[in-house]
């Protein structure tokens, strides 16, 4: 190839012609080299893909991977099926990957039918939305295990034989008693009801008759409202309840409990939240001989303990300063005090050396407020003094918010990625934890 005799000299016309010819030759060689690089890179990818570990994964392993992807994104089976013939075959043979259909995002009839048909006989967890008529699911009701409803209207004679968990949503101002009957949900064991329950079955409420009308519920979340039907529901399932959550005046004015007291012989978890200081709001007097986990939150009312049968409680979560004599067996205290400050509570604990003799852990929630180093150090110093005078030392942590429900309580969702409930509010910030002592 031609090269100039002197690179520092100014080219003459004849040399310019030779230089342009050389440039053309170099450009052709460069283009050919680039094409060769592209071909080599493609061949390299092919060779790497040929020996990739994923090609050695069995169909069972691929099914587990696809199922995990579907939990995080219900649309992923559609994307995975477009990657390769092998993956399409594997994902079509993975019915659980198609069982996470989210009706909050999907209202297209053909897509819904596609997911139902490809999910085989896998159980499904889902909400019914007003845009999706329940009649679409007439042939699939036996596969539903967890259901969230925002409407009280169901097809006539609709039966959900395997639904064990039912959530009745915020958009329902009133729930007819017939909706939660064994006629619709014979296998129902967990009921989360945010709305007012009204009687549309009996002329006068009779607990014995109602006990044969509603399923033997084991987990119940219900609001105390003026209509006494809620109390009849609670009385009817008192012998089977393992977990109870009461919202006092949650949306409606509360009323006094019709019975003077009620015994829950099997209940181990009780959660009471009260949003009212109205004189007609009353929390029922409950006897809970097996109660172990208790949560109590009060807002806008005098700080008096709402439930008193707490002698066997080992785990307490509250936003009030508890009375140590009411919890002699307490082992775990989760406290969300804003007033008085946490340091006042710890000072009281130091002053009463015999309080909570079995206490092992204190977790304080700062309600996402910043907790500065000086406050942490003050709490640490107080806890060191407290532990010095106790036979059983106490571990203490500070968190931004409670990451989980009360142990044994009614979970708001069935698991990671389960599309059975609406999501309200923005995602929570990172839950930071500070180990105090």
Protein backbone atom coordinates (compact mmCIF):
# COMPACT_ATOMS: atom_id res chain seq x y z
CA UNK A 1 0.00 0.00 0.00
CA UNK A 2 1.28 3.45 -0.93
CA UNK A 3 2.77 5.60 1.84
CA UNK A 4 4.06 9.20 1.60
CA UNK A 5 7.82 9.66 1.59
CA UNK A 6 7.66 12.48 4.15
CA UNK A 7 4.64 12.81 6.49
CA UNK A 8 5.71 16.37 7.37
CA UNK A 9 5.74 17.57 3.77
CA UNK A 10 2.76 19.20 2.03
CA UNK A 11 1.32 16.69 -0.50
CA UNK A 12 1.53 17.53 -4.19
CA UNK A 13 -1.50 16.82 -6.49
CA UNK A 14 -0.14 13.45 -7.61
CA UNK A 15 0.39 12.38 -3.97
CA UNK A 16 -3.17 13.46 -3.08
CA UNK A 17 -4.57 11.04 -5.67
CA UNK A 18 -2.46 8.20 -4.29
CA UNK A 19 -3.47 9.09 -0.71
CA UNK A 20 -7.19 9.04 -1.59
CA UNK A 21 -6.80 5.61 -3.18
CA UNK A 22 -5.04 4.35 -0.04
CA UNK A 23 -7.81 5.80 2.15
CA UNK A 24 -10.46 4.00 0.09
CA UNK A 25 -8.58 0.73 0.47
CA UNK A 26 -8.27 1.26 4.25
CA UNK A 27 -11.99 2.07 4.59
CA UNK A 28 -12.90 -1.15 2.77
CA UNK A 29 -10.56 -3.14 5.00
CA UNK A 30 -11.99 -1.44 8.12
CA UNK A 31 -15.57 -2.21 7.02
CA UNK A 32 -14.63 -5.83 6.41
CA UNK A 33 -12.90 -5.96 9.80
CA UNK A 34 -15.98 -4.57 11.54
CA UNK A 35 -18.20 -7.11 9.82
CA UNK A 36 -15.81 -9.83 10.89
CA UNK A 37 -15.93 -8.55 14.49
CA UNK A 38 -19.73 -8.66 14.39
CA UNK A 39 -19.64 -12.21 13.03
CA UNK A 40 -17.08 -13.24 15.64
CA UNK A 41 -19.14 -11.70 18.46
CA UNK A 42 -22.26 -13.49 17.23
CA UNK A 43 -20.36 -16.76 16.99
CA UNK A 44 -18.89 -16.16 20.45
CA UNK A 45 -22.38 -15.62 21.91
CA UNK A 46 -23.58 -18.78 20.19
CA UNK A 47 -20.72 -20.82 21.65
CA UNK A 48 -21.25 -19.35 25.14
CA UNK A 49 -24.98 -19.97 24.95
CA UNK A 50 -24.33 -23.55 23.85
CA UNK A 51 -22.31 -24.29 27.01
CA UNK A 52 -24.40 -22.05 29.34
CA UNK A 53 -25.53 -23.74 32.59
CA UNK A 54 -29.15 -22.77 31.92
CA UNK A 55 -29.22 -25.19 28.96
CA UNK A 56 -28.49 -27.98 31.40
CA UNK A 57 -31.35 -26.95 33.70
CA UNK A 58 -34.12 -29.50 33.80
CA UNK A 59 -37.70 -28.57 33.04
CA UNK A 60 -38.48 -28.80 36.77
CA UNK A 61 -35.80 -26.21 37.57
CA UNK A 62 -37.04 -23.93 34.79
CA UNK A 63 -40.58 -24.24 36.13
CA UNK A 64 -39.43 -23.07 39.57
CA UNK A 65 -37.57 -20.13 38.01
CA UNK A 66 -40.58 -19.17 35.91
CA UNK A 67 -42.85 -19.40 38.94
CA UNK A 68 -40.57 -17.06 40.89
CA UNK A 69 -40.58 -14.60 37.98
CA UNK A 70 -44.38 -14.72 37.80
CA UNK A 71 -44.69 -13.88 41.51
CA UNK A 72 -42.80 -10.65 40.87
CA UNK A 73 -44.45 -9.88 37.52
CA UNK A 74 -47.62 -11.72 36.54
CA UNK A 75 -46.97 -10.89 32.84
CA UNK A 76 -43.57 -12.64 32.79
CA UNK A 77 -44.89 -15.98 31.37
CA UNK A 78 -45.88 -14.13 28.20
CA UNK A 79 -42.38 -12.67 27.89
CA UNK A 80 -40.60 -15.92 28.74
CA UNK A 81 -42.58 -17.83 26.13
CA UNK A 82 -41.16 -15.54 23.43
CA UNK A 83 -37.47 -16.19 24.22
CA UNK A 84 -36.96 -19.61 22.66
CA UNK A 85 -38.78 -22.74 21.63
CA UNK A 86 -37.37 -24.62 24.62
CA UNK A 87 -38.47 -21.97 27.09
CA UNK A 88 -41.88 -21.68 25.48
CA UNK A 89 -42.36 -25.42 25.89
CA UNK A 90 -41.19 -25.22 29.51
CA UNK A 91 -43.36 -22.25 30.48
CA UNK A 92 -46.44 -23.78 28.85
CA UNK A 93 -45.78 -26.88 30.94
CA UNK A 94 -45.58 -24.77 34.15
CA UNK A 95 -49.18 -24.10 35.20
CA UNK A 96 -48.19 -22.41 38.48
CA UNK A 97 -46.39 -19.70 36.51
CA UNK A 98 -49.78 -18.76 35.03
CA UNK A 99 -51.63 -18.74 38.34
CA UNK A 100 -50.66 -15.23 39.51
CA UNK A 101 -53.04 -13.29 37.29
CA UNK A 102 -53.56 -9.77 38.66
CA UNK A 103 -57.05 -8.52 37.88
CA UNK A 104 -56.17 -5.10 39.26
CA UNK A 105 -53.98 -4.56 36.19
CA UNK A 106 -55.64 -6.91 33.71
CA UNK A 107 -59.25 -6.54 32.59
CA UNK A 108 -58.94 -7.98 29.07
CA UNK A 109 -61.29 -10.93 28.68
CA UNK A 110 -59.05 -12.93 26.31
CA UNK A 111 -55.98 -12.51 28.54
CA UNK A 112 -57.94 -13.62 31.60
CA UNK A 113 -59.24 -16.70 29.80
CA UNK A 114 -55.71 -17.48 28.54
CA UNK A 115 -54.22 -17.41 32.04
CA UNK A 116 -57.05 -19.49 33.47
CA UNK A 117 -56.70 -22.13 30.78
CA UNK A 118 -52.89 -22.33 31.01
CA UNK A 119 -52.84 -22.46 34.82
CA UNK A 120 -54.37 -25.93 34.79
CA UNK A 121 -55.95 -26.78 38.14
CA UNK A 122 -53.62 -24.63 40.26
CA UNK A 123 -55.30 -22.71 43.11
CA UNK A 124 -55.57 -18.97 42.51
CA UNK A 125 -55.60 -15.85 44.67
CA UNK A 126 -57.30 -12.79 43.24
CA UNK A 127 -59.60 -9.81 43.65
CA UNK A 128 -62.81 -9.29 41.69
CA UNK A 129 -62.92 -5.86 40.10
CA UNK A 130 -66.05 -4.09 38.93
CA UNK A 131 -64.67 -4.04 35.36
CA UNK A 132 -64.45 -7.83 35.34
CA UNK A 133 -67.87 -9.49 35.62
CA UNK A 134 -67.85 -12.39 38.12
CA UNK A 135 -69.75 -14.47 35.54
CA UNK A 136 -66.41 -14.92 33.73
CA UNK A 137 -65.27 -17.20 36.55
CA UNK A 138 -68.27 -19.50 36.59
CA UNK A 139 -66.17 -22.46 35.47
CA UNK A 140 -63.19 -21.70 37.70
CA UNK A 141 -64.69 -20.91 41.13
CA UNK A 142 -63.49 -24.26 42.51
CA UNK A 143 -59.88 -23.14 41.98
CA UNK A 144 -60.07 -19.93 44.00
CA UNK A 145 -58.56 -20.10 47.49
CA UNK A 146 -58.23 -16.43 48.42
CA UNK A 147 -60.65 -13.78 47.26
CA UNK A 148 -60.98 -10.02 47.65
CA UNK A 149 -64.34 -8.43 46.82
CA UNK A 150 -65.18 -4.79 46.24
CA UNK A 151 -68.79 -5.54 45.37
CA UNK A 152 -71.60 -7.29 47.22
CA UNK A 153 -73.17 -8.67 44.05
CA UNK A 154 -72.35 -12.24 43.09
CA UNK A 155 -73.98 -14.38 40.40
CA UNK A 156 -77.10 -16.12 41.66
CA UNK A 157 -76.18 -19.43 43.25
CA UNK A 158 -72.42 -18.78 43.00
CA UNK A 159 -70.45 -21.15 45.23
CA UNK A 160 -66.74 -20.87 46.01
CA UNK A 161 -66.10 -24.30 47.54
CA UNK A 162 -62.38 -23.84 48.31
CA UNK A 163 -62.09 -20.15 49.26
CA UNK A 164 -60.65 -20.10 52.79
CA UNK A 165 -59.76 -16.40 52.94
CA UNK A 166 -62.16 -13.57 52.05
CA UNK A 167 -61.49 -9.84 52.17
CA UNK A 168 -64.32 -7.34 51.77
CA UNK A 169 -62.92 -4.04 50.58
CA UNK A 170 -63.00 -0.34 51.28
CA UNK A 171 -65.38 0.44 48.43
CA UNK A 172 -68.21 -1.52 50.05
CA UNK A 173 -70.27 0.68 52.38
CA UNK A 174 -72.32 -2.29 53.58
CA UNK A 175 -71.98 -6.06 53.45
CA UNK A 176 -75.07 -8.30 53.51
CA UNK A 177 -74.85 -11.15 55.98
CA UNK A 178 -75.85 -13.59 53.24
CA UNK A 179 -72.61 -12.82 51.39
CA UNK A 180 -70.50 -14.59 54.05
CA UNK A 181 -72.82 -17.56 54.47
CA UNK A 182 -71.91 -21.20 53.91
CA UNK A 183 -74.12 -21.08 50.82
CA UNK A 184 -71.39 -19.05 49.07
CA UNK A 185 -68.24 -19.91 51.05
CA UNK A 186 -68.49 -23.31 52.77
CA UNK A 187 -64.70 -23.54 53.38
CA UNK A 188 -64.22 -19.96 54.63
CA UNK A 189 -61.89 -19.76 57.64
CA UNK A 190 -60.42 -16.24 57.44
CA UNK A 191 -62.64 -13.15 57.03
CA UNK A 192 -61.35 -9.58 56.78
CA UNK A 193 -64.32 -7.21 56.66
CA UNK A 194 -63.76 -3.44 56.51
CA UNK A 195 -67.41 -2.54 55.93
CA UNK A 196 -70.63 -2.50 57.95
CA UNK A 197 -72.31 -5.93 58.09
CA UNK A 198 -76.11 -5.82 57.97
CA UNK A 199 -78.67 -8.57 58.48
CA UNK A 200 -80.55 -9.57 55.33
CA UNK A 201 -81.42 -13.15 56.36
CA UNK A 202 -83.31 -13.21 59.67
CA UNK A 203 -86.20 -11.11 60.95
CA UNK A 204 -84.45 -11.11 64.31
CA UNK A 205 -80.84 -12.11 64.87
CA UNK A 206 -80.44 -15.44 66.63
CA UNK A 207 -76.89 -16.58 67.37
CA UNK A 208 -77.74 -20.30 67.29
CA UNK A 209 -79.35 -19.99 63.86
CA UNK A 210 -76.51 -17.79 62.65
CA UNK A 211 -73.96 -20.38 63.80
CA UNK A 212 -75.42 -22.77 61.22
CA UNK A 213 -75.49 -20.05 58.56
CA UNK A 214 -71.90 -18.77 58.55
CA UNK A 215 -68.77 -20.94 58.25
CA UNK A 216 -66.64 -21.82 61.32
CA UNK A 217 -64.36 -18.79 61.01
CA UNK A 218 -60.94 -19.03 62.66
CA UNK A 219 -59.56 -15.58 61.78
CA UNK A 220 -61.90 -12.59 61.93
CA UNK A 221 -61.28 -8.88 61.35
CA UNK A 222 -64.42 -6.81 61.80
CA UNK A 223 -65.49 -3.26 62.70
CA UNK A 224 -67.63 -2.33 65.68
CA UNK A 225 -70.52 -0.32 64.20
CA UNK A 226 -74.04 0.72 65.17
CA UNK A 227 -75.66 -2.23 63.42
CA UNK A 228 -75.42 -5.12 65.95
CA UNK A 229 -74.95 -7.74 63.22
CA UNK A 230 -71.18 -7.62 63.73
CA UNK A 231 -71.68 -8.73 67.35
CA UNK A 232 -73.87 -11.63 66.27
CA UNK A 233 -71.18 -12.75 63.79
CA UNK A 234 -68.55 -12.60 66.54
CA UNK A 235 -70.76 -14.56 68.94
CA UNK A 236 -71.57 -17.18 66.31
CA UNK A 237 -67.91 -18.01 65.64
CA UNK A 238 -66.53 -17.50 69.16
CA UNK A 239 -65.82 -21.21 69.70
CA UNK A 240 -63.62 -21.51 66.59
CA UNK A 241 -61.79 -18.16 66.61
CA UNK A 242 -58.00 -18.34 66.82
CA UNK A 243 -57.36 -14.71 65.88
CA UNK A 244 -59.57 -11.62 66.26
CA UNK A 245 -59.06 -8.07 65.00
CA UNK A 246 -61.49 -5.35 66.10
CA UNK A 247 -61.68 -1.88 64.58
CA UNK A 248 -63.60 0.39 66.95
CA UNK A 249 -65.40 3.18 65.11
CA UNK A 250 -63.20 2.51 62.09
CA UNK A 251 -65.63 4.10 59.63
CA UNK A 252 -68.92 4.32 61.47
CA UNK A 253 -70.13 5.24 64.93
CA UNK A 254 -69.70 2.33 67.30
CA UNK A 255 -72.20 0.85 69.70
CA UNK A 256 -72.19 -1.07 72.94
CA UNK A 257 -71.72 -4.82 72.74
CA UNK A 258 -75.10 -6.51 73.27
CA UNK A 259 -73.74 -9.19 75.62
CA UNK A 260 -72.11 -8.35 78.94
CA UNK A 261 -69.10 -10.56 78.16
CA UNK A 262 -68.00 -13.16 75.68
CA UNK A 263 -65.53 -16.03 76.07
CA UNK A 264 -63.20 -16.90 73.20
CA UNK A 265 -61.84 -20.28 74.37
CA UNK A 266 -59.31 -20.81 71.53
CA UNK A 267 -58.27 -17.24 70.68
CA UNK A 268 -54.50 -16.73 70.87
CA UNK A 269 -54.18 -13.40 69.02
CA UNK A 270 -56.20 -10.23 69.65
CA UNK A 271 -55.76 -6.90 67.85
CA UNK A 272 -57.82 -3.85 68.86
CA UNK A 273 -57.62 -0.43 67.21
CA UNK A 274 -59.77 2.46 68.43
CA UNK A 275 -60.22 5.75 66.58
CA UNK A 276 -62.92 7.40 68.68
CA UNK A 277 -63.53 8.96 72.08
CA UNK A 278 -67.32 9.05 71.65
CA UNK A 279 -69.22 7.96 74.79
CA UNK A 280 -71.28 5.35 72.92
CA UNK A 281 -68.19 3.52 71.66
CA UNK A 282 -67.57 0.38 73.70
CA UNK A 283 -65.15 -2.47 73.29
CA UNK A 284 -66.78 -5.79 74.19
CA UNK A 285 -65.70 -7.43 77.42
CA UNK A 286 -63.88 -10.54 76.28
CA UNK A 287 -62.50 -13.49 78.18
CA UNK A 288 -59.46 -14.95 76.43
CA UNK A 289 -58.00 -17.80 78.51
CA UNK A 290 -55.38 -18.74 75.86
CA UNK A 291 -54.42 -15.25 74.66
CA UNK A 292 -50.68 -14.94 73.93
CA UNK A 293 -50.36 -12.12 71.38
CA UNK A 294 -52.06 -8.79 71.96
CA UNK A 295 -51.98 -5.54 69.97
CA UNK A 296 -53.72 -2.35 71.07
CA UNK A 297 -53.68 1.03 69.33
CA UNK A 298 -55.71 4.01 70.49
CA UNK A 299 -56.17 7.37 68.79
CA UNK A 300 -58.12 10.35 70.09
CA UNK A 301 -59.31 8.82 73.35
CA UNK A 302 -58.31 8.48 77.00
CA UNK A 303 -55.45 6.00 77.43
CA UNK A 304 -57.14 3.17 79.30
CA UNK A 305 -56.48 -0.46 78.46
CA UNK A 306 -59.20 -1.75 76.14
CA UNK A 307 -58.81 -5.43 77.01
CA UNK A 308 -58.01 -6.62 80.52
CA UNK A 309 -57.75 -10.43 80.31
CA UNK A 310 -54.03 -10.29 79.47
CA UNK A 311 -52.44 -12.34 82.24
CA UNK A 312 -51.04 -14.92 79.79
CA UNK A 313 -49.89 -12.48 77.07
CA UNK A 314 -46.25 -13.00 76.04
CA UNK A 315 -46.14 -10.57 73.09
CA UNK A 316 -47.55 -7.03 73.27
CA UNK A 317 -47.66 -4.29 70.62
CA UNK A 318 -49.11 -0.92 71.64
CA UNK A 319 -48.90 2.86 71.30
CA UNK A 320 -49.78 3.35 74.98
CA UNK A 321 -47.62 2.98 78.06
CA UNK A 322 -48.59 -0.46 79.40
CA UNK A 323 -49.24 -1.35 83.02
CA UNK A 324 -46.76 -3.98 84.15
CA UNK A 325 -49.24 -5.69 86.50
CA UNK A 326 -51.53 -6.42 83.53
CA UNK A 327 -48.80 -8.38 81.70
CA UNK A 328 -46.95 -10.57 84.23
CA UNK A 329 -45.86 -13.10 81.56
CA UNK A 330 -44.70 -10.56 78.96
CA UNK A 331 -41.60 -11.60 77.00
CA UNK A 332 -41.67 -9.30 73.94
CA UNK A 333 -42.77 -5.65 74.06
CA UNK A 334 -43.22 -3.71 70.82
CA UNK A 335 -43.98 -0.11 71.67
CA UNK A 336 -44.84 2.90 69.54
CA UNK A 337 -44.80 5.72 72.09
CA UNK A 338 -44.86 9.33 70.95
CA UNK A 339 -45.98 10.82 74.26
CA UNK A 340 -44.45 10.29 76.77
CA UNK A 341 -41.02 9.82 75.17
CA UNK A 342 -39.30 6.45 75.20
CA UNK A 343 -36.77 7.64 77.78
CA UNK A 344 -39.61 8.29 80.27
CA UNK A 345 -40.85 4.73 79.82
CA UNK A 346 -37.33 3.35 80.36
CA UNK A 347 -36.90 5.52 83.46
CA UNK A 348 -40.15 4.09 84.86
CA UNK A 349 -38.88 0.60 84.05
CA UNK A 350 -35.69 1.38 85.97
CA UNK A 351 -37.65 2.69 88.96
CA UNK A 352 -39.80 -0.45 89.12
CA UNK A 353 -37.20 -3.22 89.19
CA UNK A 354 -39.80 -5.97 89.57
CA UNK A 355 -41.74 -5.03 86.42
CA UNK A 356 -42.01 -7.57 83.60
CA UNK A 357 -39.83 -10.28 85.20
CA UNK A 358 -39.84 -12.44 82.04
CA UNK A 359 -39.27 -9.62 79.52
CA UNK A 360 -36.58 -10.49 76.95
CA UNK A 361 -36.89 -7.91 74.18
CA UNK A 362 -38.12 -4.35 73.64
CA UNK A 363 -38.59 -3.03 70.11
CA UNK A 364 -39.43 0.62 69.67
CA UNK A 365 -41.02 1.98 66.48
CA UNK A 366 -40.08 5.56 65.67
CA UNK A 367 -42.96 5.81 63.14
CA UNK A 368 -40.38 6.72 60.46
CA UNK A 369 -39.19 9.73 62.49
CA UNK A 370 -35.47 10.33 62.77
CA UNK A 371 -33.89 9.05 65.97
CA UNK A 372 -30.68 10.99 66.64
CA UNK A 373 -27.53 9.57 68.19
CA UNK A 374 -27.97 11.44 71.47
CA UNK A 375 -31.36 9.80 72.04
CA UNK A 376 -29.92 6.40 71.17
CA UNK A 377 -27.05 6.90 73.61
CA UNK A 378 -29.46 8.01 76.35
CA UNK A 379 -31.59 4.90 75.79
CA UNK A 380 -28.47 2.73 75.77
CA UNK A 381 -27.29 4.17 79.09
CA UNK A 382 -30.71 3.64 80.67
CA UNK A 383 -30.92 0.07 79.40
CA UNK A 384 -27.45 -0.74 80.74
CA UNK A 385 -28.58 0.39 84.20
CA UNK A 386 -31.88 -1.50 83.87
CA UNK A 387 -30.12 -4.74 82.87
CA UNK A 388 -27.60 -4.41 85.69
CA UNK A 389 -30.42 -4.87 88.20
CA UNK A 390 -32.26 -7.70 86.40
CA UNK A 391 -31.71 -11.44 86.39
CA UNK A 392 -32.85 -11.61 82.76
CA UNK A 393 -31.21 -8.96 80.50
CA UNK A 394 -33.39 -7.16 77.97
CA UNK A 395 -32.41 -6.73 74.32
CA UNK A 396 -33.58 -3.46 72.77
CA UNK A 397 -33.91 -2.35 69.13
CA UNK A 398 -35.30 0.70 67.36
CA UNK A 399 -37.01 0.35 63.95
CA UNK A 400 -38.73 2.77 61.57
CA UNK A 401 -41.99 0.81 61.45
CA UNK A 402 -43.39 -2.63 62.14
CA UNK A 403 -42.41 -4.91 59.28
CA UNK A 404 -44.90 -7.67 60.13
CA UNK A 405 -48.33 -8.15 61.63
CA UNK A 406 -48.76 -9.38 65.17
CA UNK A 407 -47.73 -13.07 65.37
CA UNK A 408 -50.73 -15.22 64.60
CA UNK A 409 -52.65 -12.20 63.32
CA UNK A 410 -54.54 -11.85 60.06
CA UNK A 411 -52.07 -11.22 57.27
CA UNK A 412 -52.97 -8.56 54.74
CA UNK A 413 -51.66 -10.70 51.89
CA UNK A 414 -50.93 -14.37 51.38
CA UNK A 415 -47.33 -14.04 50.26
CA UNK A 416 -44.82 -12.27 48.04
CA UNK A 417 -46.38 -11.39 44.72
CA UNK A 418 -49.81 -12.76 45.55
CA UNK A 419 -52.36 -10.61 43.68
CA UNK A 420 -55.21 -11.28 46.10
CA UNK A 421 -55.42 -7.81 47.64
CA UNK A 422 -55.30 -4.21 46.60
CA UNK A 423 -52.23 -2.19 47.53
CA UNK A 424 -52.93 1.14 49.17
CA UNK A 425 -50.49 4.00 49.63
CA UNK A 426 -46.91 4.39 48.50
CA UNK A 427 -44.18 1.83 49.16
CA UNK A 428 -42.62 2.07 52.59
CA UNK A 429 -39.11 3.36 52.97
CA UNK A 430 -36.30 1.07 54.01
CA UNK A 431 -36.93 -0.23 57.51
CA UNK A 432 -33.75 0.67 59.37
CA UNK A 433 -32.95 -1.06 62.64
CA UNK A 434 -30.75 0.28 65.45
CA UNK A 435 -29.45 -2.17 68.03
CA UNK A 436 -29.45 -0.30 71.34
CA UNK A 437 -28.26 -2.99 73.73
